[in-house]
Amino acid sequence: MKSKKLEEDGSTGKAVCLARNFYTKNIILEMSSGERMYEQSTVVYEQSTPILTSEGLYNTIKVVNVTKGTEVTCMAKFDGRTITANTTLPEKKAEGPVTGKVCNTTDTSAQADTKVEKANMLSVAVLGLRVLLAKSIAFNTLMSIKLFLF
């Protein structure tokens, strides 16, 4: 999402918090300036549910209005963990998008969990096929016995 240029007076802009490549769908992005949390009235855009990527991971974003020169803190909260990133808006007037630091929550354990889930799903599928094979062998044996005895 492209942010708009600073308003006419040049005192307000947009700050963006982006969380990419995390493995849980339950994540909360919070943005604050010093001790003040941004209230719903200053939130420009907040994704209702994270987007699932082709790798099986999630992305989400939050955009708030801020004043020029303000230190902005982005916190991503998930699974009892908190990841924090800070940034300051540039003093000059922005001509392009105003971007914040990325809250990247990728770690090797998250990718390992995704692989483990795929392996578990494959194991369940193989088990189901084995049970089906065993049932068909038992049924064929019973029908053969019936044919020869009756």
N, C-alpha and C. Protein backbone atom coordinates (compact mmCIF):
# COMPACT_ATOMS: atom_id res chain seq x y z
N MET A 1 0.85 -1.18 0.00
CA MET A 1 0.00 0.00 0.00
C MET A 1 0.89 1.23 0.00
N LYS A 2 0.68 2.15 -0.94
CA LYS A 2 1.47 3.37 -0.98
C LYS A 2 0.88 4.37 0.00
N SER A 3 1.75 5.03 0.73
CA SER A 3 1.25 6.05 1.64
C SER A 3 1.14 7.38 0.89
N LYS A 4 0.27 8.22 1.39
CA LYS A 4 0.06 9.53 0.75
C LYS A 4 1.18 10.48 1.15
N LYS A 5 1.33 11.54 0.38
CA LYS A 5 2.31 12.57 0.73
C LYS A 5 1.88 13.25 2.03
N LEU A 6 2.80 13.95 2.64
CA LEU A 6 2.47 14.69 3.84
C LEU A 6 1.38 15.71 3.51
N GLU A 7 0.54 16.00 4.51
CA GLU A 7 -0.55 16.95 4.28
C GLU A 7 0.02 18.33 3.97
N GLU A 8 -0.86 19.26 3.61
CA GLU A 8 -0.46 20.60 3.17
C GLU A 8 0.47 21.29 4.16
N ASP A 9 0.19 21.16 5.45
CA ASP A 9 1.05 21.81 6.44
C ASP A 9 2.36 21.04 6.65
N GLY A 10 2.44 19.83 6.14
CA GLY A 10 3.66 19.04 6.21
C GLY A 10 3.95 18.49 7.59
N SER A 11 2.98 18.51 8.50
CA SER A 11 3.26 18.09 9.86
C SER A 11 2.82 16.66 10.15
N THR A 12 2.00 16.08 9.29
CA THR A 12 1.55 14.71 9.54
C THR A 12 1.86 13.83 8.35
N GLY A 13 2.05 12.56 8.64
CA GLY A 13 2.33 11.57 7.61
C GLY A 13 1.81 10.22 8.05
N LYS A 14 2.27 9.18 7.39
CA LYS A 14 1.82 7.82 7.69
C LYS A 14 3.03 6.99 8.14
N ALA A 15 2.80 6.11 9.09
CA ALA A 15 3.80 5.13 9.50
C ALA A 15 3.20 3.75 9.28
N VAL A 16 4.04 2.82 8.81
CA VAL A 16 3.57 1.49 8.45
C VAL A 16 4.30 0.44 9.27
N CYS A 17 3.54 -0.52 9.78
CA CYS A 17 4.11 -1.67 10.47
C CYS A 17 3.74 -2.90 9.64
N LEU A 18 4.76 -3.62 9.18
CA LEU A 18 4.55 -4.77 8.30
C LEU A 18 5.18 -6.00 8.94
N ALA A 19 4.38 -7.03 9.15
CA ALA A 19 4.88 -8.30 9.67
C ALA A 19 4.81 -9.31 8.53
N ARG A 20 5.95 -9.89 8.18
CA ARG A 20 6.03 -10.81 7.04
C ARG A 20 6.55 -12.17 7.48
N ASN A 21 6.08 -13.18 6.78
CA ASN A 21 6.59 -14.55 6.90
C ASN A 21 6.55 -15.09 8.33
N PHE A 22 5.38 -15.00 8.98
CA PHE A 22 5.25 -15.61 10.28
C PHE A 22 4.28 -16.79 10.16
N TYR A 23 4.40 -17.74 11.06
CA TYR A 23 3.72 -19.02 10.91
C TYR A 23 2.35 -19.09 11.58
N THR A 24 2.01 -18.15 12.43
CA THR A 24 0.72 -18.20 13.10
C THR A 24 -0.23 -17.15 12.53
N LYS A 25 -1.51 -17.51 12.47
CA LYS A 25 -2.51 -16.58 11.95
C LYS A 25 -2.92 -15.57 13.02
N ASN A 26 -2.69 -15.92 14.28
CA ASN A 26 -3.09 -15.05 15.40
C ASN A 26 -1.95 -14.12 15.76
N ILE A 27 -1.99 -12.91 15.22
CA ILE A 27 -0.96 -11.91 15.50
C ILE A 27 -1.64 -10.56 15.69
N ILE A 28 -1.10 -9.76 16.59
CA ILE A 28 -1.64 -8.42 16.84
C ILE A 28 -0.51 -7.42 16.62
N LEU A 29 -0.74 -6.44 15.75
CA LEU A 29 0.21 -5.36 15.53
C LEU A 29 -0.23 -4.16 16.33
N GLU A 30 0.67 -3.61 17.14
CA GLU A 30 0.39 -2.40 17.92
C GLU A 30 1.46 -1.37 17.59
N MET A 31 1.04 -0.12 17.44
CA MET A 31 1.99 0.97 17.16
C MET A 31 1.83 2.02 18.23
N SER A 32 2.97 2.55 18.69
CA SER A 32 2.93 3.56 19.74
C SER A 32 4.00 4.61 19.48
N SER A 33 3.79 5.75 20.10
CA SER A 33 4.75 6.86 20.03
C SER A 33 5.09 7.21 21.47
N GLY A 34 6.27 6.82 21.91
CA GLY A 34 6.65 7.03 23.31
C GLY A 34 5.78 6.17 24.20
N GLU A 35 5.06 6.80 25.11
CA GLU A 35 4.16 6.08 26.01
C GLU A 35 2.75 5.99 25.44
N ARG A 36 2.47 6.69 24.34
CA ARG A 36 1.11 6.79 23.81
C ARG A 36 0.87 5.72 22.75
N MET A 37 -0.19 4.91 22.95
CA MET A 37 -0.61 3.93 21.94
C MET A 37 -1.52 4.65 20.96
N TYR A 38 -1.42 4.30 19.68
CA TYR A 38 -2.29 4.90 18.67
C TYR A 38 -3.68 4.32 18.82
N GLU A 39 -4.65 5.23 18.90
CA GLU A 39 -6.03 4.81 19.07
C GLU A 39 -6.65 4.52 17.71
N GLN A 40 -7.84 3.96 17.73
CA GLN A 40 -8.50 3.55 16.50
C GLN A 40 -8.72 4.74 15.56
N SER A 41 -8.87 5.95 16.10
CA SER A 41 -9.11 7.13 15.25
C SER A 41 -7.89 7.49 14.41
N THR A 42 -6.67 7.17 14.86
CA THR A 42 -5.47 7.49 14.10
C THR A 42 -5.06 6.35 13.16
N VAL A 43 -5.71 5.19 13.26
CA VAL A 43 -5.40 4.07 12.39
C VAL A 43 -6.00 4.32 11.01
N VAL A 44 -5.15 4.34 9.99
CA VAL A 44 -5.60 4.56 8.62
C VAL A 44 -6.05 3.25 8.01
N TYR A 45 -5.27 2.19 8.22
CA TYR A 45 -5.59 0.88 7.66
C TYR A 45 -5.04 -0.21 8.56
N GLU A 46 -5.88 -1.22 8.81
CA GLU A 46 -5.43 -2.38 9.57
C GLU A 46 -6.08 -3.61 8.95
N GLN A 47 -5.27 -4.58 8.58
CA GLN A 47 -5.79 -5.79 7.95
C GLN A 47 -6.56 -6.59 8.98
N SER A 48 -7.77 -7.03 8.60
CA SER A 48 -8.60 -7.77 9.55
C SER A 48 -8.04 -9.18 9.80
N THR A 49 -7.60 -9.87 8.74
CA THR A 49 -6.99 -11.18 8.89
C THR A 49 -5.71 -11.22 8.07
N PRO A 50 -4.67 -11.86 8.57
CA PRO A 50 -3.42 -11.95 7.81
C PRO A 50 -3.60 -12.69 6.49
N ILE A 51 -2.74 -12.37 5.53
CA ILE A 51 -2.78 -13.01 4.21
C ILE A 51 -1.87 -14.22 4.22
N LEU A 52 -2.39 -15.35 3.72
CA LEU A 52 -1.61 -16.58 3.61
C LEU A 52 -0.79 -16.55 2.34
N THR A 53 0.52 -16.78 2.45
CA THR A 53 1.40 -16.77 1.28
C THR A 53 1.50 -18.18 0.69
N SER A 54 2.14 -18.28 -0.48
CA SER A 54 2.28 -19.58 -1.13
C SER A 54 3.20 -20.51 -0.35
N GLU A 55 4.03 -19.98 0.54
CA GLU A 55 4.92 -20.81 1.36
C GLU A 55 4.23 -21.33 2.61
N GLY A 56 2.96 -20.97 2.82
CA GLY A 56 2.24 -21.40 4.01
C GLY A 56 2.48 -20.51 5.21
N LEU A 57 3.03 -19.32 4.99
CA LEU A 57 3.27 -18.35 6.06
C LEU A 57 2.30 -17.18 5.89
N TYR A 58 2.28 -16.27 6.86
CA TYR A 58 1.32 -15.17 6.85
C TYR A 58 2.01 -13.81 6.80
N ASN A 59 1.31 -12.81 6.22
CA ASN A 59 1.73 -11.40 6.19
C ASN A 59 0.58 -10.54 6.67
N THR A 60 0.88 -9.45 7.38
CA THR A 60 -0.15 -8.50 7.78
C THR A 60 0.47 -7.10 7.87
N ILE A 61 -0.40 -6.06 7.91
CA ILE A 61 0.07 -4.67 7.87
C ILE A 61 -0.87 -3.79 8.69
N LYS A 62 -0.29 -2.69 9.23
CA LYS A 62 -1.06 -1.66 9.94
C LYS A 62 -0.47 -0.31 9.59
N VAL A 63 -1.33 0.69 9.30
CA VAL A 63 -0.90 2.04 8.93
C VAL A 63 -1.58 3.03 9.86
N VAL A 64 -0.79 3.99 10.41
CA VAL A 64 -1.35 5.02 11.30
C VAL A 64 -0.86 6.40 10.86
N ASN A 65 -1.62 7.43 11.24
CA ASN A 65 -1.20 8.82 11.04
C ASN A 65 -0.25 9.21 12.18
N VAL A 66 0.84 9.89 11.82
CA VAL A 66 1.79 10.36 12.83
C VAL A 66 2.25 11.77 12.48
N THR A 67 2.80 12.47 13.46
CA THR A 67 3.34 13.80 13.20
C THR A 67 4.80 13.69 12.80
N LYS A 68 5.28 14.69 12.08
CA LYS A 68 6.64 14.69 11.56
C LYS A 68 7.66 14.62 12.69
N GLY A 69 8.68 13.78 12.52
CA GLY A 69 9.75 13.66 13.50
C GLY A 69 9.41 12.78 14.68
N THR A 70 8.29 12.10 14.65
CA THR A 70 7.86 11.27 15.76
C THR A 70 8.53 9.91 15.72
N GLU A 71 9.01 9.46 16.86
CA GLU A 71 9.55 8.10 16.99
C GLU A 71 8.37 7.14 17.10
N VAL A 72 8.32 6.17 16.21
CA VAL A 72 7.21 5.21 16.17
C VAL A 72 7.75 3.83 16.51
N THR A 73 7.05 3.14 17.41
CA THR A 73 7.41 1.78 17.79
C THR A 73 6.33 0.83 17.30
N CYS A 74 6.76 -0.22 16.61
CA CYS A 74 5.84 -1.24 16.11
C CYS A 74 6.08 -2.51 16.91
N MET A 75 5.00 -3.08 17.46
CA MET A 75 5.11 -4.32 18.23
C MET A 75 4.23 -5.38 17.60
N ALA A 76 4.81 -6.53 17.33
CA ALA A 76 4.06 -7.69 16.83
C ALA A 76 3.96 -8.68 17.98
N LYS A 77 2.72 -9.01 18.39
CA LYS A 77 2.50 -9.92 19.51
C LYS A 77 1.85 -11.19 18.99
N PHE A 78 2.48 -12.34 19.28
CA PHE A 78 1.92 -13.64 18.89
C PHE A 78 2.52 -14.72 19.77
N ASP A 79 1.73 -15.72 20.08
CA ASP A 79 2.17 -16.88 20.87
C ASP A 79 2.94 -16.50 22.12
N GLY A 80 2.53 -15.44 22.80
CA GLY A 80 3.19 -15.02 24.03
C GLY A 80 4.52 -14.31 23.81
N ARG A 81 4.89 -14.05 22.57
CA ARG A 81 6.15 -13.35 22.25
C ARG A 81 5.83 -11.97 21.72
N THR A 82 6.77 -11.04 21.90
CA THR A 82 6.63 -9.69 21.37
C THR A 82 7.91 -9.33 20.63
N ILE A 83 7.75 -8.86 19.39
CA ILE A 83 8.88 -8.38 18.60
C ILE A 83 8.66 -6.91 18.36
N THR A 84 9.69 -6.08 18.62
CA THR A 84 9.57 -4.63 18.54
C THR A 84 10.53 -4.06 17.51
N ALA A 85 10.06 -3.03 16.77
CA ALA A 85 10.90 -2.30 15.82
C ALA A 85 10.60 -0.82 15.96
N ASN A 86 11.64 0.02 15.85
CA ASN A 86 11.48 1.48 15.97
C ASN A 86 11.90 2.16 14.68
N THR A 87 11.31 3.33 14.42
CA THR A 87 11.73 4.16 13.30
C THR A 87 11.31 5.59 13.55
N THR A 88 11.96 6.54 12.89
CA THR A 88 11.61 7.95 12.97
C THR A 88 11.28 8.44 11.57
N LEU A 89 10.21 9.22 11.46
CA LEU A 89 9.87 9.78 10.16
C LEU A 89 10.93 10.77 9.73
N PRO A 90 11.22 10.87 8.44
CA PRO A 90 12.21 11.84 7.98
C PRO A 90 11.72 13.26 8.19
N GLU A 91 12.66 14.18 8.40
CA GLU A 91 12.32 15.58 8.63
C GLU A 91 11.84 16.27 7.35
N LYS A 92 12.35 15.84 6.19
CA LYS A 92 11.95 16.50 4.94
C LYS A 92 10.60 15.96 4.48
N LYS A 93 10.01 16.68 3.57
CA LYS A 93 8.73 16.29 3.03
C LYS A 93 8.90 15.06 2.16
N ALA A 94 8.05 14.07 2.35
CA ALA A 94 8.19 12.82 1.60
C ALA A 94 7.57 12.97 0.22
N GLU A 95 8.32 12.53 -0.79
CA GLU A 95 7.79 12.56 -2.15
C GLU A 95 7.27 11.20 -2.56
N GLY A 96 7.78 10.15 -1.97
CA GLY A 96 7.33 8.79 -2.27
C GLY A 96 6.65 8.21 -1.05
N PRO A 97 6.57 6.92 -1.00
CA PRO A 97 5.94 6.29 0.16
C PRO A 97 6.78 6.46 1.42
N VAL A 98 6.11 6.65 2.54
CA VAL A 98 6.78 6.71 3.83
C VAL A 98 6.71 5.30 4.40
N THR A 99 7.86 4.71 4.64
CA THR A 99 7.87 3.33 5.10
C THR A 99 8.48 3.25 6.48
N GLY A 100 8.07 2.25 7.22
CA GLY A 100 8.63 1.98 8.54
C GLY A 100 9.50 0.74 8.47
N LYS A 101 10.13 0.42 9.58
CA LYS A 101 10.98 -0.77 9.65
C LYS A 101 10.09 -2.01 9.67
N VAL A 102 10.54 -3.06 9.06
CA VAL A 102 9.75 -4.29 8.94
C VAL A 102 9.89 -5.11 10.21
N CYS A 103 8.76 -5.58 10.71
CA CYS A 103 8.76 -6.52 11.83
C CYS A 103 8.80 -7.91 11.23
N ASN A 104 9.97 -8.42 10.93
CA ASN A 104 10.09 -9.72 10.28
C ASN A 104 10.19 -10.79 11.35
N THR A 105 9.21 -11.69 11.38
CA THR A 105 9.14 -12.68 12.44
C THR A 105 9.54 -14.07 11.96
N THR A 106 10.30 -14.14 10.89
CA THR A 106 10.72 -15.44 10.37
C THR A 106 11.83 -16.01 11.24
N ASP A 107 11.70 -17.25 11.64
CA ASP A 107 12.80 -17.95 12.28
C ASP A 107 12.78 -19.40 11.82
N THR A 108 13.85 -20.12 12.06
CA THR A 108 13.96 -21.47 11.53
C THR A 108 12.96 -22.42 12.16
N SER A 109 12.59 -22.20 13.40
CA SER A 109 11.62 -23.10 14.04
C SER A 109 10.25 -22.97 13.39
N ALA A 110 9.89 -21.78 12.91
CA ALA A 110 8.61 -21.60 12.23
C ALA A 110 8.57 -22.38 10.93
N GLN A 111 9.67 -22.35 10.18
CA GLN A 111 9.72 -23.10 8.93
C GLN A 111 9.75 -24.59 9.20
N ALA A 112 10.41 -25.00 10.26
CA ALA A 112 10.46 -26.41 10.63
C ALA A 112 9.07 -26.90 11.01
N ASP A 113 8.29 -26.07 11.73
CA ASP A 113 6.94 -26.44 12.11
C ASP A 113 6.07 -26.68 10.88
N THR A 114 6.21 -25.86 9.85
CA THR A 114 5.44 -26.01 8.63
C THR A 114 5.80 -27.33 7.95
N LYS A 115 7.08 -27.67 7.91
CA LYS A 115 7.51 -28.93 7.30
C LYS A 115 7.00 -30.13 8.10
N VAL A 116 7.00 -30.01 9.43
CA VAL A 116 6.51 -31.10 10.28
C VAL A 116 5.03 -31.32 10.04
N GLU A 117 4.26 -30.24 9.89
CA GLU A 117 2.83 -30.36 9.62
C GLU A 117 2.58 -31.08 8.30
N LYS A 118 3.35 -30.74 7.27
CA LYS A 118 3.20 -31.41 5.98
C LYS A 118 3.57 -32.88 6.09
N ALA A 119 4.62 -33.21 6.84
CA ALA A 119 5.02 -34.60 7.02
C ALA A 119 3.95 -35.38 7.78
N ASN A 120 3.34 -34.75 8.79
CA ASN A 120 2.27 -35.41 9.54
C ASN A 120 1.07 -35.69 8.64
N MET A 121 0.73 -34.74 7.78
CA MET A 121 -0.40 -34.91 6.87
C MET A 121 -0.12 -36.06 5.90
N LEU A 122 1.09 -36.16 5.42
CA LEU A 122 1.48 -37.23 4.51
C LEU A 122 1.41 -38.58 5.22
N SER A 123 1.85 -38.65 6.46
CA SER A 123 1.79 -39.89 7.23
C SER A 123 0.35 -40.36 7.43
N VAL A 124 -0.55 -39.44 7.70
CA VAL A 124 -1.96 -39.78 7.88
C VAL A 124 -2.54 -40.31 6.57
N ALA A 125 -2.17 -39.70 5.46
CA ALA A 125 -2.66 -40.15 4.15
C ALA A 125 -2.17 -41.55 3.84
N VAL A 126 -0.90 -41.84 4.11
CA VAL A 126 -0.34 -43.18 3.87
C VAL A 126 -1.02 -44.21 4.76
N LEU A 127 -1.27 -43.87 6.02
CA LEU A 127 -1.95 -44.77 6.94
C LEU A 127 -3.36 -45.09 6.42
N GLY A 128 -4.06 -44.09 5.94
CA GLY A 128 -5.40 -44.30 5.39
C GLY A 128 -5.38 -45.25 4.19
N LEU A 129 -4.40 -45.09 3.32
CA LEU A 129 -4.28 -45.98 2.16
C LEU A 129 -3.95 -47.41 2.58
N ARG A 130 -3.13 -47.57 3.60
CA ARG A 130 -2.81 -48.91 4.10
C ARG A 130 -4.04 -49.61 4.67
N VAL A 131 -4.85 -48.87 5.42
CA VAL A 131 -6.09 -49.43 5.98
C VAL A 131 -7.02 -49.85 4.85
N LEU A 132 -7.14 -49.04 3.83
CA LEU A 132 -7.98 -49.37 2.68
C LEU A 132 -7.48 -50.62 1.98
N LEU A 133 -6.18 -50.77 1.81
CA LEU A 133 -5.60 -51.96 1.20
C LEU A 133 -5.89 -53.20 2.04
N ALA A 134 -5.74 -53.10 3.36
CA ALA A 134 -6.01 -54.23 4.24
C ALA A 134 -7.47 -54.66 4.16
N LYS A 135 -8.39 -53.70 4.09
CA LYS A 135 -9.82 -54.02 3.98
C LYS A 135 -10.12 -54.73 2.67
N SER A 136 -9.51 -54.25 1.59
CA SER A 136 -9.78 -54.88 0.29
C SER A 136 -9.21 -56.29 0.24
N ILE A 137 -8.06 -56.55 0.85
CA ILE A 137 -7.49 -57.91 0.89
C ILE A 137 -8.40 -58.83 1.71
N ALA A 138 -8.86 -58.34 2.86
CA ALA A 138 -9.76 -59.14 3.70
C ALA A 138 -11.06 -59.46 2.95
N PHE A 139 -11.63 -58.49 2.28
CA PHE A 139 -12.88 -58.72 1.53
C PHE A 139 -12.66 -59.72 0.41
N ASN A 140 -11.56 -59.58 -0.34
CA ASN A 140 -11.26 -60.52 -1.42
C ASN A 140 -11.05 -61.93 -0.89
N THR A 141 -10.39 -62.08 0.23
CA THR A 141 -10.18 -63.40 0.84
C THR A 141 -11.51 -64.03 1.23
N LEU A 142 -12.38 -63.28 1.85
CA LEU A 142 -13.70 -63.80 2.23
C LEU A 142 -14.51 -64.21 1.01
N MET A 143 -14.48 -63.43 -0.05
CA MET A 143 -15.24 -63.77 -1.26
C MET A 143 -14.66 -65.04 -1.93
N SER A 144 -13.34 -65.19 -1.89
CA SER A 144 -12.71 -66.40 -2.46
C SER A 144 -13.10 -67.64 -1.66
N ILE A 145 -13.10 -67.55 -0.33
CA ILE A 145 -13.51 -68.67 0.51
C ILE A 145 -14.96 -69.03 0.23
N LYS A 146 -15.81 -68.04 0.12
CA LYS A 146 -17.24 -68.28 -0.16
C LYS A 146 -17.40 -68.98 -1.50
N LEU A 147 -16.61 -68.60 -2.49
CA LEU A 147 -16.70 -69.19 -3.83
C LEU A 147 -16.32 -70.66 -3.79
N PHE A 148 -15.24 -71.00 -3.06
CA PHE A 148 -14.77 -72.38 -3.05
C PHE A 148 -15.61 -73.28 -2.15
N LEU A 149 -16.18 -72.78 -1.07
CA LEU A 149 -16.93 -73.60 -0.14
C LEU A 149 -18.41 -73.71 -0.48
N PHE A 150 -18.98 -72.74 -1.10
CA PHE A 150 -20.43 -72.77 -1.31
C PHE A 150 -20.75 -72.84 -2.74
